[in-house]
């Protein structure tokens, strides 16, 4: 490799690999659950890049995301706004340097 060369690892080759994921192009949380419903770490899931320059804050980010989403899911049930069904939601990502989810409005309904 030449000095000063910038390399952008494109993880889509792994994150959308049909030999690694049952349904790589759809949101499927069961990719990370075993037959008993317990969490399973998949080597093909690399949200924080790869190689020598992997994100140093990966473990902190994972812990914070887990705490945030767990507390939200314990307190709220998320649904599309009135008049919109789940089938009508467009889950096609916005293509750029990364794949970003498109913006959606949703309702957070208290579980209490």
C-alpha atoms as a PDB file:
ATOM      1  CA  UNK A   1       0.000   0.000   0.000  1.00  0.00           C
ATOM      2  CA  UNK A   2       1.234   3.486  -0.810  1.00  0.00           C
ATOM      3  CA  UNK A   3       1.790   5.966   2.045  1.00  0.00           C
ATOM      4  CA  UNK A   4      -1.026   8.461   2.425  1.00  0.00           C
ATOM      5  CA  UNK A   5      -3.563   6.192   0.702  1.00  0.00           C
ATOM      6  CA  UNK A   6      -7.063   6.459   2.124  1.00  0.00           C
ATOM      7  CA  UNK A   7      -8.975   3.189   2.327  1.00  0.00           C
ATOM      8  CA  UNK A   8     -12.736   3.033   2.907  1.00  0.00           C
ATOM      9  CA  UNK A   9     -13.783  -0.483   3.928  1.00  0.00           C
ATOM     10  CA  UNK A  10     -17.186  -1.239   2.406  1.00  0.00           C
ATOM     11  CA  UNK A  11     -18.842  -3.679   4.740  1.00  0.00           C
ATOM     12  CA  UNK A  12     -21.845  -4.259   2.485  1.00  0.00           C
ATOM     13  CA  UNK A  13     -20.104  -7.328   1.065  1.00  0.00           C
ATOM     14  CA  UNK A  14     -20.379  -8.923   4.524  1.00  0.00           C
ATOM     15  CA  UNK A  15     -23.526  -7.276   5.880  1.00  0.00           C
ATOM     16  CA  UNK A  16     -25.549  -8.325   2.800  1.00  0.00           C
ATOM     17  CA  UNK A  17     -23.917 -11.721   2.227  1.00  0.00           C
ATOM     18  CA  UNK A  18     -26.671 -14.253   1.543  1.00  0.00           C
ATOM     19  CA  UNK A  19     -24.446 -17.105   2.763  1.00  0.00           C
ATOM     20  CA  UNK A  20     -24.217 -15.422   6.209  1.00  0.00           C
ATOM     21  CA  UNK A  21     -27.776 -14.059   6.658  1.00  0.00           C
ATOM     22  CA  UNK A  22     -31.140 -15.715   6.039  1.00  0.00           C
ATOM     23  CA  UNK A  23     -32.707 -12.457   4.789  1.00  0.00           C
ATOM     24  CA  UNK A  24     -29.907  -9.878   4.322  1.00  0.00           C
ATOM     25  CA  UNK A  25     -32.046  -7.163   2.696  1.00  0.00           C
ATOM     26  CA  UNK A  26     -34.754  -6.993   5.368  1.00  0.00           C
ATOM     27  CA  UNK A  27     -34.722  -5.907   9.003  1.00  0.00           C
ATOM     28  CA  UNK A  28     -34.759  -9.165  10.942  1.00  0.00           C
ATOM     29  CA  UNK A  29     -33.777  -9.094  14.638  1.00  0.00           C
ATOM     30  CA  UNK A  30     -34.010 -12.892  14.763  1.00  0.00           C
ATOM     31  CA  UNK A  31     -30.652 -12.959  12.930  1.00  0.00           C
ATOM     32  CA  UNK A  32     -29.153 -12.482  16.395  1.00  0.00           C
ATOM     33  CA  UNK A  33     -31.245 -15.015  18.328  1.00  0.00           C
ATOM     34  CA  UNK A  34     -30.811 -18.760  18.701  1.00  0.00           C
ATOM     35  CA  UNK A  35     -33.617 -21.347  18.894  1.00  0.00           C
ATOM     36  CA  UNK A  36     -34.212 -20.466  22.564  1.00  0.00           C
ATOM     37  CA  UNK A  37     -34.458 -16.722  21.886  1.00  0.00           C
ATOM     38  CA  UNK A  38     -31.050 -15.935  23.408  1.00  0.00           C
ATOM     39  CA  UNK A  39     -28.623 -13.433  21.885  1.00  0.00           C
ATOM     40  CA  UNK A  40     -25.961 -14.858  19.562  1.00  0.00           C
ATOM     41  CA  UNK A  41     -22.984 -12.804  18.361  1.00  0.00           C
ATOM     42  CA  UNK A  42     -22.523 -13.164  14.607  1.00  0.00           C
ATOM     43  CA  UNK A  43     -19.015 -12.680  13.198  1.00  0.00           C
ATOM     44  CA  UNK A  44     -20.498 -11.288   9.978  1.00  0.00           C
ATOM     45  CA  UNK A  45     -21.992  -8.292  11.836  1.00  0.00           C
ATOM     46  CA  UNK A  46     -19.419  -5.471  11.868  1.00  0.00           C
ATOM     47  CA  UNK A  47     -21.188  -2.151  12.547  1.00  0.00           C
ATOM     48  CA  UNK A  48     -18.010  -0.413  13.769  1.00  0.00           C
ATOM     49  CA  UNK A  49     -15.733  -1.246  10.804  1.00  0.00           C
ATOM     50  CA  UNK A  50     -12.857  -3.695  10.672  1.00  0.00           C
ATOM     51  CA  UNK A  51      -9.104  -3.956  10.780  1.00  0.00           C
ATOM     52  CA  UNK A  52      -6.496  -2.009  12.736  1.00  0.00           C
ATOM     53  CA  UNK A  53      -8.558   1.153  12.878  1.00  0.00           C
ATOM     54  CA  UNK A  54     -11.751  -0.322  14.259  1.00  0.00           C
ATOM     55  CA  UNK A  55     -13.692   2.155  16.396  1.00  0.00           C
ATOM     56  CA  UNK A  56     -12.089   2.513  19.836  1.00  0.00           C
ATOM     57  CA  UNK A  57     -15.438   3.399  21.384  1.00  0.00           C
ATOM     58  CA  UNK A  58     -17.172   0.247  20.131  1.00  0.00           C
ATOM     59  CA  UNK A  59     -17.672  -1.387  23.542  1.00  0.00           C
ATOM     60  CA  UNK A  60     -18.925   1.847  25.123  1.00  0.00           C
ATOM     61  CA  UNK A  61     -21.234   2.535  22.172  1.00  0.00           C
ATOM     62  CA  UNK A  62     -22.693  -0.983  22.314  1.00  0.00           C
ATOM     63  CA  UNK A  63     -23.310  -0.703  26.054  1.00  0.00           C
ATOM     64  CA  UNK A  64     -24.948   2.722  25.741  1.00  0.00           C
ATOM     65  CA  UNK A  65     -27.104   1.648  22.786  1.00  0.00           C
ATOM     66  CA  UNK A  66     -28.221  -1.453  24.668  1.00  0.00           C
ATOM     67  CA  UNK A  67     -29.211   0.597  27.725  1.00  0.00           C
ATOM     68  CA  UNK A  68     -30.994   3.250  25.649  1.00  0.00           C
ATOM     69  CA  UNK A  69     -33.009   0.880  23.471  1.00  0.00           C
ATOM     70  CA  UNK A  70     -33.811  -1.488  26.333  1.00  0.00           C
ATOM     71  CA  UNK A  71     -35.255   1.326  28.432  1.00  0.00           C
ATOM     72  CA  UNK A  72     -37.240   2.673  25.449  1.00  0.00           C
ATOM     73  CA  UNK A  73     -38.648  -0.751  24.554  1.00  0.00           C
ATOM     74  CA  UNK A  74     -39.575  -1.443  28.175  1.00  0.00           C
ATOM     75  CA  UNK A  75     -41.539   1.803  28.470  1.00  0.00           C
ATOM     76  CA  UNK A  76     -43.046   2.229  24.985  1.00  0.00           C
ATOM     77  CA  UNK A  77     -44.604   0.339  22.096  1.00  0.00           C
ATOM     78  CA  UNK A  78     -43.683   1.924  18.751  1.00  0.00           C
ATOM     79  CA  UNK A  79     -46.283   2.032  15.970  1.00  0.00           C
ATOM     80  CA  UNK A  80     -46.738   3.859  12.665  1.00  0.00           C
ATOM     81  CA  UNK A  81     -48.859   7.015  12.878  1.00  0.00           C
ATOM     82  CA  UNK A  82     -52.648   6.726  12.466  1.00  0.00           C
ATOM     83  CA  UNK A  83     -53.617   5.942   8.886  1.00  0.00           C
ATOM     84  CA  UNK A  84     -50.286   4.247   8.033  1.00  0.00           C
ATOM     85  CA  UNK A  85     -49.881   0.470   8.137  1.00  0.00           C
ATOM     86  CA  UNK A  86     -46.586  -1.331   8.636  1.00  0.00           C
ATOM     87  CA  UNK A  87     -46.867  -2.637   5.065  1.00  0.00           C
ATOM     88  CA  UNK A  88     -46.879   0.941   3.713  1.00  0.00           C
ATOM     89  CA  UNK A  89     -43.577   1.868   5.400  1.00  0.00           C
ATOM     90  CA  UNK A  90     -40.743   2.269   2.892  1.00  0.00           C
ATOM     91  CA  UNK A  91     -37.679   0.683   4.500  1.00  0.00           C
ATOM     92  CA  UNK A  92     -35.381   1.332   1.538  1.00  0.00           C
ATOM     93  CA  UNK A  93     -32.169   2.915   2.865  1.00  0.00           C
ATOM     94  CA  UNK A  94     -30.726   6.183   1.597  1.00  0.00           C
ATOM     95  CA  UNK A  95     -27.534   5.318  -0.304  1.00  0.00           C
ATOM     96  CA  UNK A  96     -24.406   7.365   0.395  1.00  0.00           C
ATOM     97  CA  UNK A  97     -21.036   6.607   1.939  1.00  0.00           C
ATOM     98  CA  UNK A  98     -23.124   4.565   4.384  1.00  0.00           C
ATOM     99  CA  UNK A  99     -26.654   3.200   4.114  1.00  0.00           C
ATOM    100  CA  UNK A 100     -28.861   5.440   6.240  1.00  0.00           C
ATOM    101  CA  UNK A 101     -32.463   4.625   7.131  1.00  0.00           C
ATOM    102  CA  UNK A 102     -35.007   6.957   5.570  1.00  0.00           C
ATOM    103  CA  UNK A 103     -36.914   9.258   7.924  1.00  0.00           C
ATOM    104  CA  UNK A 104     -40.213   8.034   9.352  1.00  0.00           C
ATOM    105  CA  UNK A 105     -42.751   9.378  11.773  1.00  0.00           C
ATOM    106  CA  UNK A 106     -43.890   7.026  14.502  1.00  0.00           C
ATOM    107  CA  UNK A 107     -45.943   6.989  17.671  1.00  0.00           C
ATOM    108  CA  UNK A 108     -44.539   5.942  21.048  1.00  0.00           C
ATOM    109  CA  UNK A 109     -47.396   4.489  23.077  1.00  0.00           C
ATOM    110  CA  UNK A 110     -46.780   4.054  26.807  1.00  0.00           C
ATOM    111  CA  UNK A 111     -46.891   0.435  28.008  1.00  0.00           C
ATOM    112  CA  UNK A 112     -48.314   1.459  31.407  1.00  0.00           C
END
